């Protein structure tokens, strides 16, 4: 019986953005002020982060928070029900500097 191919692990959006910027975990930690071990745990989905943490990471990566922060099920439902309101609030609140 043939064995199924091994599944490739998927990278988090945070990991992808960090690698695109050419940053190591240490570099992102220094740029964002977030501890290296915590970033590592967030990248692999073992810890959740506050909005303030996501914002600090987004600023350090020079990306919008929506590009790296996983969309929670409730956020996805709300954005589907009220797309104009959700985009207006999210856009105003999370603009990178």
Protein backbone atom coordinates (compact mmCIF):
# COMPACT_ATOMS: atom_id res chain seq x y z
CA UNK A 1 0.00 0.00 0.00
CA UNK A 2 1.40 3.41 -0.97
CA UNK A 3 2.11 5.88 1.78
CA UNK A 4 0.54 9.31 1.48
CA UNK A 5 3.01 12.15 0.88
CA UNK A 6 4.12 14.05 3.94
CA UNK A 7 2.25 17.27 4.37
CA UNK A 8 4.36 20.37 4.31
CA UNK A 9 3.82 22.56 7.35
CA UNK A 10 2.23 25.88 6.50
CA UNK A 11 3.95 29.06 7.56
CA UNK A 12 2.07 31.61 9.52
CA UNK A 13 1.53 34.99 7.90
CA UNK A 14 3.77 36.43 10.62
CA UNK A 15 6.61 34.07 9.70
CA UNK A 16 6.19 34.81 6.00
CA UNK A 17 6.26 38.58 6.57
CA UNK A 18 9.31 38.28 8.83
CA UNK A 19 11.22 36.22 6.28
CA UNK A 20 10.25 38.57 3.44
CA UNK A 21 11.81 41.42 5.41
CA UNK A 22 14.94 39.31 5.91
CA UNK A 23 14.55 39.33 9.68
CA UNK A 24 15.46 36.64 12.15
CA UNK A 25 13.35 36.11 15.24
CA UNK A 26 16.00 38.07 17.12
CA UNK A 27 15.80 40.93 14.64
CA UNK A 28 12.01 41.10 14.87
CA UNK A 29 12.22 40.94 18.65
CA UNK A 30 14.63 43.86 18.74
CA UNK A 31 12.60 45.89 16.23
CA UNK A 32 9.26 45.29 17.93
CA UNK A 33 10.19 45.14 21.61
CA UNK A 34 8.45 41.75 21.90
CA UNK A 35 10.43 38.89 23.43
CA UNK A 36 11.98 36.40 21.04
CA UNK A 37 10.50 33.31 22.75
CA UNK A 38 7.02 34.84 22.67
CA UNK A 39 7.26 35.68 18.95
CA UNK A 40 8.38 32.12 18.26
CA UNK A 41 5.38 30.73 20.12
CA UNK A 42 3.01 33.07 18.29
CA UNK A 43 4.49 32.06 14.93
CA UNK A 44 3.75 28.39 15.55
CA UNK A 45 0.33 29.07 17.02
CA UNK A 46 1.11 28.05 20.58
CA UNK A 47 0.33 31.47 22.02
CA UNK A 48 -2.17 34.14 21.14
CA UNK A 49 -1.20 37.78 21.10
CA UNK A 50 -3.02 40.94 22.07
CA UNK A 51 -3.92 43.57 19.51
CA UNK A 52 -1.14 45.77 20.93
CA UNK A 53 1.39 43.00 20.32
CA UNK A 54 0.15 42.42 16.77
CA UNK A 55 0.37 46.16 16.15
CA UNK A 56 3.96 46.31 17.43
CA UNK A 57 4.89 43.38 15.19
CA UNK A 58 3.14 44.94 12.19
CA UNK A 59 4.96 48.23 12.71
CA UNK A 60 8.31 46.46 13.01
CA UNK A 61 7.57 44.59 9.76
CA UNK A 62 6.16 47.70 8.04
CA UNK A 63 2.93 45.90 7.14
CA UNK A 64 -0.73 46.38 8.01
CA UNK A 65 -1.83 44.34 11.01
CA UNK A 66 -4.35 42.48 8.83
CA UNK A 67 -1.47 41.00 6.83
CA UNK A 68 -0.04 39.12 9.80
CA UNK A 69 -2.81 38.69 12.37
CA UNK A 70 -4.93 35.56 12.04
CA UNK A 71 -8.58 36.37 11.53
CA UNK A 72 -10.65 35.01 14.36
CA UNK A 73 -13.85 33.24 13.46
CA UNK A 74 -15.92 36.03 15.01
CA UNK A 75 -13.98 38.68 13.07
CA UNK A 76 -14.59 36.77 9.85
CA UNK A 77 -18.31 36.51 10.61
CA UNK A 78 -18.55 40.21 11.47
CA UNK A 79 -16.67 41.29 8.36
CA UNK A 80 -18.99 39.15 6.21
CA UNK A 81 -22.09 40.65 7.82
CA UNK A 82 -20.86 44.27 7.96
CA UNK A 83 -17.98 44.66 5.47
CA UNK A 84 -18.08 48.47 5.24
CA UNK A 85 -18.20 48.99 9.00
CA UNK A 86 -15.52 46.39 9.70
CA UNK A 87 -13.09 47.78 7.14
CA UNK A 88 -13.62 51.34 8.34
CA UNK A 89 -12.98 50.48 11.99
CA UNK A 90 -10.10 48.08 11.30
CA UNK A 91 -8.46 50.47 8.86
CA UNK A 92 -8.63 53.46 11.19
CA UNK A 93 -7.47 51.56 14.26
CA UNK A 94 -4.53 49.65 12.83
CA UNK A 95 -2.74 51.89 10.36
CA UNK A 96 1.03 51.30 10.53
CA UNK A 97 3.27 54.28 11.07
